[in-house]
């Protein structure tokens, strides 16, 4: 719980760090203070908490206490003298500053505990994702803490959300939809459990009842939930500069995303024209065919990476633990697939490059990092441009490096079709948060402009993606512009080194910087200060 974490660290907030042993140079002492401050802050926010199944009951008093603690942490950070440090240590300082700013933005602007019912209905989505199609008894034990915590959390949700006129209508609609879908989740749990465990069956029944009560409360008060969901341009620009460490404004991002949208659509049409005499790819027709195609794709991609030496492949970079982790191989073949399966059922390599080479390998690198500050992912979407942007970039850039050369030329069309849906989502992000588009406007635009948009119409996939970008400000914009930033970095570094540039060395240096904003990676790799100076301007 937030209150418990605060009690653990609050007494130390006003105490200076104590270092034993030999005296350290002043810069080293200051850096050690930074590391200690970071560790205390992570404990307070619970980012490192391992018990991901249990979502705390968050009261207004605990939220207020966290906001107070944050101001003390921020003051301690400002008191650290960092300006003469090495570039790498300065970057670590800015990462912690961004993380504290992210929590500040959450308290000052988005206020999800009071404005977004989805932070509570997320529990139902969480349950649905964590339960296999045919769960075993041990699966129920694994999610039991979540099930038993739902009644208290949903009761607190009704208290926290009582100022209904501050709740955006679009966020209310998203939560209502999730809770309605949650009915089927609880029915599936009950049916799968049977009558073998009376206590657990009772806990599921209580959770289902709480789900229904929160759903009924939201529906009753929905007419009064009239606030706008978009955060507005001024807040968006503050978030870009102070949390995402993005050296662009809303206006500049709109131009970048529109130009990228123009480019990928143009390239898609050129590929289609070139391939008009080539047979179209027939999608797989069964779960067994799909599973076999994914296995073959992974083998091909691993062979390509080892052969072409795009980047160093340490022993821990393997597909172990990845295969089938998100593909749904354990589920029956549905009558209607989510939108992205329209691509992966024809050519899975594009999506596997994104998910395995991008996200899975990044996760493994993060787990193997020993850096005291840069280890692993960062909260508040500080890592998103780096992680999602890089994974997105791989789809097209590795295509130019040759990983689809042995496939039908039609496979290249899929890379651009997937890219076009991402630029459509990024434009929805930009315009919804500028309050020019509603959720309905963005969904209509996506159906009209995404490749094969008719498959998106009222699909679970479209609802999910629009919720992601409306509730997680900037998510899809960060993906598209992160790709553009990566290409800019590759261009800058290659121009800087000339004939000495080696792709493998560049990639290894890029990975060594960690899952941090690309503007900071660029500063560390090239020494160019233009972007960081812009971020530090008042």
Protein backbone atom coordinates (compact mmCIF):
# COMPACT_ATOMS: atom_id res chain seq x y z
CA UNK A 1 0.00 0.00 0.00
CA UNK A 2 1.11 3.58 -0.62
CA UNK A 3 0.72 4.43 3.08
CA UNK A 4 2.86 1.49 4.16
CA UNK A 5 5.62 2.36 1.70
CA UNK A 6 5.54 5.98 2.91
CA UNK A 7 5.93 4.90 6.53
CA UNK A 8 8.97 2.86 5.57
CA UNK A 9 10.83 5.78 4.03
CA UNK A 10 9.26 9.00 5.36
CA UNK A 11 11.48 9.19 8.45
CA UNK A 12 14.60 9.26 6.26
CA UNK A 13 13.48 12.03 3.93
CA UNK A 14 15.00 14.81 6.01
CA UNK A 15 18.22 12.95 6.84
CA UNK A 16 21.44 13.40 4.89
CA UNK A 17 23.07 10.20 3.60
CA UNK A 18 25.91 8.83 5.70
CA UNK A 19 28.94 7.22 4.05
CA UNK A 20 31.44 5.13 5.96
CA UNK A 21 35.01 4.15 5.10
CA UNK A 22 37.46 6.27 3.14
CA UNK A 23 36.59 9.82 2.17
CA UNK A 24 35.23 10.14 -1.36
CA UNK A 25 35.77 12.97 -3.81
CA UNK A 26 32.97 15.52 -3.61
CA UNK A 27 31.55 14.51 -6.99
CA UNK A 28 31.58 10.85 -5.99
CA UNK A 29 29.82 11.65 -2.71
CA UNK A 30 27.19 13.64 -4.55
CA UNK A 31 26.66 10.81 -7.03
CA UNK A 32 26.33 8.30 -4.20
CA UNK A 33 23.70 10.59 -2.69
CA UNK A 34 21.89 10.51 -6.05
CA UNK A 35 21.90 6.71 -6.13
CA UNK A 36 20.61 6.52 -2.55
CA UNK A 37 17.92 9.10 -3.28
CA UNK A 38 16.83 7.12 -6.32
CA UNK A 39 16.58 3.90 -4.35
CA UNK A 40 14.52 5.55 -1.61
CA UNK A 41 12.23 7.13 -4.20
CA UNK A 42 11.63 3.80 -5.93
CA UNK A 43 10.71 2.24 -2.57
CA UNK A 44 8.27 5.06 -1.86
CA UNK A 45 6.55 4.76 -5.25
CA UNK A 46 6.55 0.96 -5.19
CA UNK A 47 8.01 0.68 -8.69
CA UNK A 48 10.31 -2.14 -7.55
CA UNK A 49 7.58 -4.02 -5.67
CA UNK A 50 7.56 -7.64 -6.76
CA UNK A 51 3.98 -8.42 -5.75
CA UNK A 52 2.40 -7.41 -9.05
CA UNK A 53 -0.74 -9.44 -8.41
CA UNK A 54 -1.88 -7.20 -5.56
CA UNK A 55 -3.10 -3.69 -6.37
CA UNK A 56 -3.21 -1.54 -3.22
CA UNK A 57 -6.33 0.08 -1.86
CA UNK A 58 -5.57 3.77 -2.43
CA UNK A 59 -7.25 6.27 -0.15
CA UNK A 60 -7.23 10.07 -0.66
CA UNK A 61 -5.13 10.43 2.53
CA UNK A 62 -2.46 8.07 1.16
CA UNK A 63 -2.44 9.91 -2.17
CA UNK A 64 -1.98 13.24 -0.40
CA UNK A 65 0.84 11.80 1.69
CA UNK A 66 2.60 10.57 -1.44
CA UNK A 67 2.32 14.04 -3.02
CA UNK A 68 3.87 15.59 0.12
CA UNK A 69 6.70 13.06 0.13
CA UNK A 70 7.36 13.81 -3.53
CA UNK A 71 8.01 17.50 -2.84
CA UNK A 72 10.67 16.54 -0.29
CA UNK A 73 12.33 14.16 -2.73
CA UNK A 74 12.35 16.84 -5.42
CA UNK A 75 13.98 19.33 -3.06
CA UNK A 76 16.68 16.81 -2.16
CA UNK A 77 17.30 16.25 -5.86
CA UNK A 78 17.60 19.97 -6.57
CA UNK A 79 20.16 20.31 -3.78
CA UNK A 80 22.55 17.92 -5.51
CA UNK A 81 25.29 19.72 -7.46
CA UNK A 82 25.45 17.83 -10.74
CA UNK A 83 26.41 20.34 -13.45
CA UNK A 84 30.14 19.48 -13.48
CA UNK A 85 29.69 15.73 -13.56
CA UNK A 86 30.57 13.51 -16.50
CA UNK A 87 27.92 13.26 -19.21
CA UNK A 88 26.91 9.76 -18.11
CA UNK A 89 26.36 10.82 -14.51
CA UNK A 90 24.46 13.93 -15.60
CA UNK A 91 22.19 11.66 -17.63
CA UNK A 92 21.48 9.62 -14.51
CA UNK A 93 20.48 12.81 -12.71
CA UNK A 94 18.08 13.79 -15.48
CA UNK A 95 16.53 10.33 -15.48
CA UNK A 96 15.65 10.66 -11.80
CA UNK A 97 14.42 14.22 -12.34
CA UNK A 98 12.14 12.96 -15.13
CA UNK A 99 10.80 10.17 -12.94
CA UNK A 100 9.91 12.56 -10.14
CA UNK A 101 8.34 14.89 -12.70
CA UNK A 102 6.31 11.94 -13.96
CA UNK A 103 4.84 11.37 -10.52
CA UNK A 104 4.24 15.12 -10.17
CA UNK A 105 2.31 15.12 -13.45
CA UNK A 106 0.22 12.23 -12.21
CA UNK A 107 -0.72 14.14 -9.05
CA UNK A 108 -1.12 17.56 -10.66
CA UNK A 109 -2.70 16.83 -14.05
CA UNK A 110 -4.04 13.35 -14.79
CA UNK A 111 -5.12 12.47 -11.20
CA UNK A 112 -6.18 8.97 -12.30
CA UNK A 113 -7.42 7.89 -8.84
CA UNK A 114 -10.17 10.52 -9.12
CA UNK A 115 -10.64 10.95 -12.89
CA UNK A 116 -10.04 7.59 -14.56
CA UNK A 117 -12.26 4.67 -13.55
CA UNK A 118 -10.06 2.53 -15.77
CA UNK A 119 -7.33 2.25 -13.14
CA UNK A 120 -9.83 0.10 -11.23
CA UNK A 121 -11.43 -1.77 -14.14
CA UNK A 122 -7.88 -2.65 -15.24
CA UNK A 123 -8.02 -5.38 -12.63
CA UNK A 124 -10.57 -7.26 -14.71
CA UNK A 125 -8.39 -6.95 -17.82
CA UNK A 126 -5.45 -8.13 -15.73
CA UNK A 127 -7.36 -11.23 -14.67
CA UNK A 128 -8.37 -12.01 -18.24
CA UNK A 129 -4.79 -11.76 -19.44
CA UNK A 130 -3.32 -13.86 -16.63
CA UNK A 131 -5.71 -16.79 -16.92
CA UNK A 132 -5.10 -19.53 -19.53
CA UNK A 133 -8.04 -20.62 -21.64
CA UNK A 134 -8.28 -23.80 -19.60
CA UNK A 135 -6.93 -22.79 -16.18
CA UNK A 136 -5.59 -25.29 -13.70
CA UNK A 137 -5.99 -25.04 -9.94
CA UNK A 138 -2.49 -23.53 -9.56
CA UNK A 139 -3.50 -20.76 -11.96
CA UNK A 140 -6.26 -19.77 -9.55
CA UNK A 141 -3.80 -19.73 -6.66
CA UNK A 142 -1.50 -17.44 -8.66
CA UNK A 143 -4.24 -14.83 -9.15
CA UNK A 144 -5.96 -15.32 -5.81
CA UNK A 145 -4.58 -12.12 -4.26
CA UNK A 146 -6.02 -10.10 -7.12
CA UNK A 147 -9.41 -11.78 -6.82
CA UNK A 148 -9.63 -11.26 -3.06
CA UNK A 149 -8.51 -7.62 -3.27
CA UNK A 150 -11.19 -6.57 -5.78
CA UNK A 151 -14.07 -5.95 -3.31
CA UNK A 152 -12.08 -3.50 -1.16
CA UNK A 153 -10.55 -1.75 -4.16
CA UNK A 154 -13.87 -1.34 -5.95
CA UNK A 155 -15.50 -0.01 -2.79
CA UNK A 156 -12.70 2.55 -2.48
CA UNK A 157 -13.06 3.37 -6.18
CA UNK A 158 -16.63 4.60 -5.65
CA UNK A 159 -15.38 6.87 -2.85
CA UNK A 160 -12.46 8.21 -4.90
CA UNK A 161 -14.63 8.86 -7.97
CA UNK A 162 -17.40 10.69 -6.12
CA UNK A 163 -16.74 14.04 -7.88
CA UNK A 164 -18.37 12.66 -11.00
CA UNK A 165 -18.33 15.89 -13.02
CA UNK A 166 -14.51 15.72 -13.05
CA UNK A 167 -14.54 12.32 -14.76
CA UNK A 168 -14.12 12.45 -18.56
CA UNK A 169 -16.98 10.85 -20.45
CA UNK A 170 -14.60 8.95 -22.75
CA UNK A 171 -12.69 7.43 -19.81
CA UNK A 172 -15.97 6.44 -18.16
CA UNK A 173 -17.11 4.69 -21.35
CA UNK A 174 -13.84 2.75 -21.57
CA UNK A 175 -14.14 1.56 -17.96
CA UNK A 176 -17.81 0.60 -18.38
CA UNK A 177 -16.89 -1.49 -21.41
CA UNK A 178 -14.12 -3.26 -19.50
CA UNK A 179 -16.35 -4.01 -16.54
CA UNK A 180 -19.06 -5.35 -18.85
CA UNK A 181 -16.51 -7.64 -20.46
CA UNK A 182 -15.40 -8.61 -16.96
CA UNK A 183 -18.71 -10.40 -16.43
CA UNK A 184 -17.62 -13.02 -18.94
CA UNK A 185 -14.23 -13.31 -17.22
CA UNK A 186 -15.82 -14.11 -13.86
CA UNK A 187 -18.25 -16.54 -15.49
CA UNK A 188 -15.31 -18.31 -17.09
CA UNK A 189 -13.50 -18.46 -13.75
CA UNK A 190 -16.51 -19.91 -12.01
CA UNK A 191 -17.12 -22.49 -14.73
CA UNK A 192 -13.48 -23.54 -14.82
CA UNK A 193 -13.22 -23.88 -11.04
CA UNK A 194 -16.31 -25.99 -10.68
CA UNK A 195 -17.29 -26.97 -7.14
CA UNK A 196 -13.90 -28.33 -6.08
CA UNK A 197 -12.93 -25.41 -3.84
CA UNK A 198 -15.77 -23.75 -1.97
CA UNK A 199 -13.66 -20.96 -0.42
CA UNK A 200 -12.16 -19.88 -3.72
CA UNK A 201 -15.56 -20.08 -5.43
CA UNK A 202 -16.94 -17.74 -2.77
CA UNK A 203 -14.06 -15.30 -3.35
CA UNK A 204 -14.74 -15.27 -7.08
CA UNK A 205 -18.43 -14.66 -6.42
CA UNK A 206 -17.65 -11.68 -4.16
CA UNK A 207 -15.28 -10.22 -6.78
CA UNK A 208 -17.94 -10.64 -9.47
CA UNK A 209 -20.50 -8.94 -7.24
CA UNK A 210 -18.15 -6.00 -6.68
CA UNK A 211 -17.57 -5.79 -10.41
CA UNK A 212 -21.32 -5.52 -10.94
CA UNK A 213 -21.71 -2.88 -8.22
CA UNK A 214 -18.99 -0.63 -9.67
CA UNK A 215 -20.44 -1.12 -13.15
CA UNK A 216 -23.93 -0.15 -11.95
CA UNK A 217 -22.56 2.91 -10.13
CA UNK A 218 -20.69 4.11 -13.24
CA UNK A 219 -23.74 3.64 -15.44
CA UNK A 220 -25.94 5.50 -12.96
CA UNK A 221 -23.62 8.51 -12.84
CA UNK A 222 -22.40 8.39 -16.44
CA UNK A 223 -24.64 11.35 -17.57
CA UNK A 224 -22.81 13.61 -15.10
CA UNK A 225 -19.33 12.56 -16.25
CA UNK A 226 -18.73 15.41 -18.68
CA UNK A 227 -15.04 16.36 -18.37
CA UNK A 228 -12.70 16.15 -21.35
CA UNK A 229 -10.11 13.37 -21.44
CA UNK A 230 -7.39 15.22 -23.35
CA UNK A 231 -4.82 16.96 -21.16
CA UNK A 232 -4.47 20.01 -23.46
CA UNK A 233 -1.51 21.34 -25.40
CA UNK A 234 0.17 23.22 -22.56
CA UNK A 235 0.22 20.17 -20.31
CA UNK A 236 1.27 17.98 -23.24
CA UNK A 237 4.28 20.22 -23.90
CA UNK A 238 5.26 20.19 -20.20
CA UNK A 239 5.07 16.40 -20.20
CA UNK A 240 7.20 16.15 -23.34
CA UNK A 241 9.94 18.37 -21.96
CA UNK A 242 10.03 17.39 -18.29
CA UNK A 243 9.04 13.72 -18.21
CA UNK A 244 9.64 12.19 -21.63
CA UNK A 245 12.74 14.38 -22.20
CA UNK A 246 11.54 14.96 -25.73
CA UNK A 247 13.16 17.92 -27.55
CA UNK A 248 9.97 18.67 -29.51
CA UNK A 249 6.73 20.58 -29.01
CA UNK A 250 3.21 19.43 -29.81
CA UNK A 251 3.32 21.36 -33.10
CA UNK A 252 6.63 19.79 -34.13
CA UNK A 253 5.41 16.32 -33.24
CA UNK A 254 2.30 16.74 -35.34
CA UNK A 255 4.49 17.59 -38.34
CA UNK A 256 6.86 14.67 -37.72
CA UNK A 257 4.04 12.15 -37.39
CA UNK A 258 2.16 13.47 -40.42
CA UNK A 259 5.31 13.27 -42.55
CA UNK A 260 6.00 9.74 -41.34
CA UNK A 261 2.39 8.79 -42.10
CA UNK A 262 2.79 10.18 -45.63
CA UNK A 263 6.01 8.24 -46.11
CA UNK A 264 4.83 4.80 -44.97
CA UNK A 265 1.58 5.02 -46.97
CA UNK A 266 3.53 6.07 -50.09
CA UNK A 267 6.01 3.19 -49.62
CA UNK A 268 3.16 0.74 -49.03
CA UNK A 269 1.54 1.74 -52.34
CA UNK A 270 4.85 1.50 -54.19
CA UNK A 271 5.35 -2.03 -52.86
CA UNK A 272 1.82 -3.01 -53.88
CA UNK A 273 2.39 -1.66 -57.38
CA UNK A 274 5.68 -3.50 -57.74
CA UNK A 275 4.09 -6.75 -56.55
CA UNK A 276 0.83 -6.61 -58.50
CA UNK A 277 1.75 -9.70 -60.57
CA UNK A 278 2.86 -11.70 -57.52
CA UNK A 279 0.29 -13.89 -55.75
CA UNK A 280 -0.97 -12.57 -52.45
CA UNK A 281 0.06 -14.37 -49.28
CA UNK A 282 -2.54 -16.80 -48.00
CA UNK A 283 -2.99 -16.53 -44.23
CA UNK A 284 -2.67 -19.59 -42.02
CA UNK A 285 -5.98 -21.29 -41.26
CA UNK A 286 -5.44 -22.99 -37.92
CA UNK A 287 -3.68 -22.62 -34.59
CA UNK A 288 -1.30 -25.43 -35.55
CA UNK A 289 -0.33 -23.71 -38.81
CA UNK A 290 0.16 -20.41 -37.02
CA UNK A 291 2.32 -22.00 -34.32
CA UNK A 292 4.51 -23.67 -36.94
CA UNK A 293 4.87 -20.43 -38.90
CA UNK A 294 5.94 -18.51 -35.80
CA UNK A 295 8.50 -21.18 -34.87
CA UNK A 296 9.97 -21.02 -38.38
CA UNK A 297 10.03 -17.21 -38.25
CA UNK A 298 11.92 -17.18 -34.96
CA UNK A 299 14.49 -19.65 -36.29
CA UNK A 300 15.00 -17.52 -39.40
CA UNK A 301 15.36 -14.29 -37.43
CA UNK A 302 17.89 -15.78 -35.00
CA UNK A 303 19.92 -17.20 -37.89
CA UNK A 304 19.83 -13.80 -39.63
CA UNK A 305 21.02 -11.92 -36.54
CA UNK A 306 23.88 -14.34 -35.92
CA UNK A 307 24.89 -14.36 -39.58
CA UNK A 308 24.74 -10.63 -40.30
CA UNK A 309 26.25 -9.42 -37.00
CA UNK A 310 23.81 -6.53 -36.69
CA UNK A 311 24.67 -6.38 -32.99
CA UNK A 312 26.50 -8.55 -30.48
CA UNK A 313 24.46 -11.55 -29.34
CA UNK A 314 25.41 -12.48 -25.76
CA UNK A 315 24.41 -15.94 -24.57
CA UNK A 316 21.34 -14.68 -22.72
CA UNK A 317 19.70 -13.29 -25.87
CA UNK A 318 17.59 -16.31 -26.77
CA UNK A 319 13.91 -16.96 -27.55
CA UNK A 320 13.67 -19.08 -24.39
CA UNK A 321 10.56 -18.11 -22.46
CA UNK A 322 9.28 -16.02 -25.37
CA UNK A 323 7.67 -18.48 -27.77
CA UNK A 324 3.92 -18.46 -27.28
CA UNK A 325 4.02 -15.84 -24.54
CA UNK A 326 1.52 -13.55 -26.29
CA UNK A 327 0.39 -15.48 -29.36
CA UNK A 328 -2.58 -17.27 -27.81
CA UNK A 329 -1.48 -20.73 -28.91
CA UNK A 330 -3.39 -22.26 -25.99
CA UNK A 331 -6.72 -20.81 -27.15
CA UNK A 332 -9.15 -22.11 -29.76
CA UNK A 333 -8.96 -20.67 -33.25
CA UNK A 334 -11.46 -17.77 -33.14
CA UNK A 335 -14.01 -16.77 -35.76
CA UNK A 336 -12.63 -13.22 -35.73
CA UNK A 337 -9.01 -12.37 -34.97
CA UNK A 338 -7.61 -9.17 -33.55
CA UNK A 339 -6.44 -6.72 -36.16
CA UNK A 340 -2.70 -7.40 -36.01
CA UNK A 341 -3.22 -11.09 -36.71
CA UNK A 342 -4.27 -9.95 -40.18
CA UNK A 343 -0.56 -9.32 -40.66
CA UNK A 344 1.10 -12.05 -38.60
CA UNK A 345 -1.11 -14.77 -40.05
CA UNK A 346 0.31 -13.90 -43.47
CA UNK A 347 3.92 -13.10 -42.50
CA UNK A 348 4.84 -13.40 -38.81
CA UNK A 349 8.45 -12.21 -39.14
CA UNK A 350 7.58 -8.53 -39.03
CA UNK A 351 5.72 -8.81 -35.74
CA UNK A 352 8.24 -11.27 -34.27
CA UNK A 353 11.07 -8.83 -34.96
CA UNK A 354 9.13 -6.17 -33.06
CA UNK A 355 8.16 -8.38 -30.13
CA UNK A 356 11.18 -10.68 -29.78
CA UNK A 357 14.18 -8.71 -31.08
CA UNK A 358 12.73 -5.47 -29.77
CA UNK A 359 10.83 -6.07 -26.54
CA UNK A 360 11.97 -9.53 -25.42
CA UNK A 361 15.67 -8.82 -25.98
CA UNK A 362 15.35 -5.40 -24.33
CA UNK A 363 13.78 -7.07 -21.32
CA UNK A 364 16.68 -9.54 -21.13
CA UNK A 365 19.25 -6.75 -21.40
CA UNK A 366 17.48 -4.87 -18.63
CA UNK A 367 17.47 -7.93 -16.39
CA UNK A 368 21.21 -8.42 -16.96
CA UNK A 369 22.14 -4.79 -16.35
CA UNK A 370 24.06 -3.93 -13.19
CA UNK A 371 23.73 -0.15 -13.46
CA UNK A 372 22.37 1.27 -10.18
CA UNK A 373 20.03 3.74 -11.94
CA UNK A 374 19.54 2.59 -15.53
CA UNK A 375 18.68 -1.06 -14.88
CA UNK A 376 15.43 -2.11 -16.55
CA UNK A 377 12.44 -0.11 -17.68
CA UNK A 378 11.35 3.29 -16.40
CA UNK A 379 7.84 4.23 -15.23
CA UNK A 380 5.62 7.07 -16.48
CA UNK A 381 6.43 6.13 -20.11
CA UNK A 382 9.94 7.59 -19.84
CA UNK A 383 11.23 4.48 -21.65
CA UNK A 384 8.48 4.27 -24.27
CA UNK A 385 10.15 6.17 -27.13
CA UNK A 386 13.23 3.98 -26.64
CA UNK A 387 11.48 0.62 -26.23
CA UNK A 388 8.44 0.97 -28.49
CA UNK A 389 10.14 3.32 -30.94
CA UNK A 390 13.10 0.98 -31.37
CA UNK A 391 10.94 -2.14 -31.71
CA UNK A 392 8.86 -0.30 -34.33
CA UNK A 393 11.99 0.82 -36.17
CA UNK A 394 13.25 -2.76 -36.38
CA UNK A 395 10.27 -3.83 -38.50
CA UNK A 396 11.33 -1.65 -41.40
CA UNK A 397 15.06 -1.10 -40.84
CA UNK A 398 15.92 -4.80 -40.51
CA UNK A 399 13.86 -5.34 -43.66
CA UNK A 400 16.32 -3.07 -45.46
CA UNK A 401 19.12 -5.03 -43.78
CA UNK A 402 17.76 -8.19 -45.42
CA UNK A 403 15.72 -10.31 -43.00
CA UNK A 404 12.83 -10.59 -45.50
CA UNK A 405 15.01 -11.18 -48.57
CA UNK A 406 14.17 -14.88 -48.72
CA UNK A 407 10.45 -14.26 -48.39
CA UNK A 408 7.93 -13.29 -51.06
CA UNK A 409 8.16 -9.57 -51.92
CA UNK A 410 4.61 -9.29 -50.61
CA UNK A 411 6.08 -9.55 -47.10
CA UNK A 412 7.45 -6.02 -47.46
CA UNK A 413 3.91 -4.70 -47.85
CA UNK A 414 3.09 -6.01 -44.40
CA UNK A 415 5.89 -3.99 -42.82
CA UNK A 416 4.35 -0.81 -44.20
CA UNK A 417 0.78 -1.83 -43.39
CA UNK A 418 1.74 -2.32 -39.74
CA UNK A 419 3.62 0.98 -39.78
CA UNK A 420 0.61 2.81 -41.19
CA UNK A 421 -1.62 1.64 -38.35
CA UNK A 422 0.93 2.96 -35.88
CA UNK A 423 1.03 6.39 -37.48
CA UNK A 424 -2.78 6.46 -37.46
CA UNK A 425 -2.73 5.75 -33.73
CA UNK A 426 -0.09 8.43 -33.16
CA UNK A 427 -2.21 11.03 -34.92
CA UNK A 428 -5.17 9.98 -32.77
CA UNK A 429 -2.98 10.49 -29.70
CA UNK A 430 -1.92 13.98 -30.75
CA UNK A 431 -5.38 15.23 -31.63
CA UNK A 432 -7.27 13.61 -28.74
CA UNK A 433 -4.97 15.15 -26.16
CA UNK A 434 -5.25 18.53 -27.86
CA UNK A 435 -9.02 18.07 -27.41
CA UNK A 436 -9.63 18.42 -31.13
CA UNK A 437 -10.87 14.83 -31.36
CA UNK A 438 -13.05 12.75 -29.08
CA UNK A 439 -12.56 9.03 -28.60
CA UNK A 440 -15.28 8.44 -31.20
CA UNK A 441 -13.54 10.80 -33.66
CA UNK A 442 -10.25 8.96 -33.26
CA UNK A 443 -11.85 5.55 -33.74
CA UNK A 444 -13.67 6.73 -36.87
CA UNK A 445 -10.42 8.16 -38.25
CA UNK A 446 -8.54 4.92 -37.56
CA UNK A 447 -11.11 2.76 -39.35
CA UNK A 448 -11.10 5.12 -42.33
CA UNK A 449 -7.32 5.47 -42.64
CA UNK A 450 -5.63 2.30 -41.39
CA UNK A 451 -4.84 -0.40 -43.97
CA UNK A 452 -7.72 -2.90 -44.00
CA UNK A 453 -9.53 -0.53 -41.65
CA UNK A 454 -12.77 -2.43 -42.04
CA UNK A 455 -11.24 -5.13 -39.82
CA UNK A 456 -10.84 -2.56 -37.05
CA UNK A 457 -14.44 -1.43 -36.95
CA UNK A 458 -15.67 -1.85 -33.34
CA UNK A 459 -12.97 -4.46 -32.76
CA UNK A 460 -11.49 -5.28 -29.37
CA UNK A 461 -8.13 -4.33 -30.81
CA UNK A 462 -9.21 -0.82 -31.75
CA UNK A 463 -10.82 -0.26 -28.35
CA UNK A 464 -7.62 -1.43 -26.67
CA UNK A 465 -5.32 0.80 -28.73
CA UNK A 466 -7.47 3.89 -28.31
CA UNK A 467 -7.70 3.30 -24.56
CA UNK A 468 -3.92 2.90 -24.43
CA UNK A 469 -3.25 6.26 -26.02
CA UNK A 470 -6.07 8.17 -24.31
CA UNK A 471 -5.21 6.93 -20.83
CA UNK A 472 -1.43 6.71 -21.33
CA UNK A 473 -0.69 10.16 -22.70
CA UNK A 474 1.61 10.08 -25.71
CA UNK A 475 2.02 6.31 -25.94
CA UNK A 476 1.56 5.90 -29.69
CA UNK A 477 3.15 9.24 -30.52
CA UNK A 478 6.25 8.12 -28.59
CA UNK A 479 6.36 4.92 -30.65
CA UNK A 480 6.40 6.73 -33.99
CA UNK A 481 8.65 9.63 -33.03
CA UNK A 482 10.95 7.27 -31.12
CA UNK A 483 11.53 5.47 -34.42
CA UNK A 484 12.35 8.80 -36.08
CA UNK A 485 14.73 9.66 -33.22
CA UNK A 486 16.54 6.34 -33.62
CA UNK A 487 17.03 6.95 -37.33
CA UNK A 488 18.31 10.46 -36.60
CA UNK A 489 20.80 9.04 -34.09
CA UNK A 490 22.02 6.46 -36.60
CA UNK A 491 22.44 9.22 -39.18
CA UNK A 492 24.26 11.56 -36.76
CA UNK A 493 26.64 8.90 -35.49
CA UNK A 494 27.49 7.60 -38.96
CA UNK A 495 28.16 11.13 -40.21
CA UNK A 496 30.26 11.85 -37.15
CA UNK A 497 32.45 8.74 -37.59
CA UNK A 498 32.56 8.59 -41.38
CA UNK A 499 34.47 5.54 -42.61
CA UNK A 500 35.04 4.44 -39.01
CA UNK A 501 31.31 3.82 -38.48
CA UNK A 502 30.41 0.17 -37.87
CA UNK A 503 26.77 -0.83 -37.44
CA UNK A 504 27.48 -3.52 -34.86
CA UNK A 505 29.52 -1.14 -32.70
CA UNK A 506 26.82 1.53 -33.00
CA UNK A 507 24.10 -0.87 -31.94
CA UNK A 508 26.10 -2.19 -29.00
CA UNK A 509 26.74 1.37 -27.78
CA UNK A 510 23.04 2.13 -28.18
CA UNK A 511 22.05 -0.87 -26.07
CA UNK A 512 24.70 -0.11 -23.44
CA UNK A 513 23.03 3.22 -22.67
CA UNK A 514 19.97 1.44 -21.32
CA UNK A 515 16.22 1.89 -21.78
CA UNK A 516 16.33 5.67 -21.52
CA UNK A 517 15.13 8.60 -23.68
CA UNK A 518 16.89 8.66 -27.03
CA UNK A 519 17.82 12.34 -26.64
CA UNK A 520 19.98 11.27 -23.68
CA UNK A 521 21.46 8.32 -25.60
CA UNK A 522 22.36 10.69 -28.43
CA UNK A 523 24.10 13.05 -25.98
CA UNK A 524 26.06 10.17 -24.45
CA UNK A 525 27.06 8.59 -27.78
CA UNK A 526 27.85 11.70 -29.85
CA UNK A 527 28.50 14.45 -27.32
CA UNK A 528 26.00 16.67 -29.16
CA UNK A 529 24.31 18.98 -26.65
CA UNK A 530 21.70 20.71 -28.80
CA UNK A 531 18.79 18.54 -27.67
CA UNK A 532 19.66 18.47 -23.97
CA UNK A 533 20.27 22.23 -23.99
CA UNK A 534 16.81 22.72 -25.42
CA UNK A 535 15.34 20.55 -22.68
CA UNK A 536 17.10 22.59 -20.00
CA UNK A 537 15.93 25.96 -21.31
CA UNK A 538 13.48 27.74 -19.02
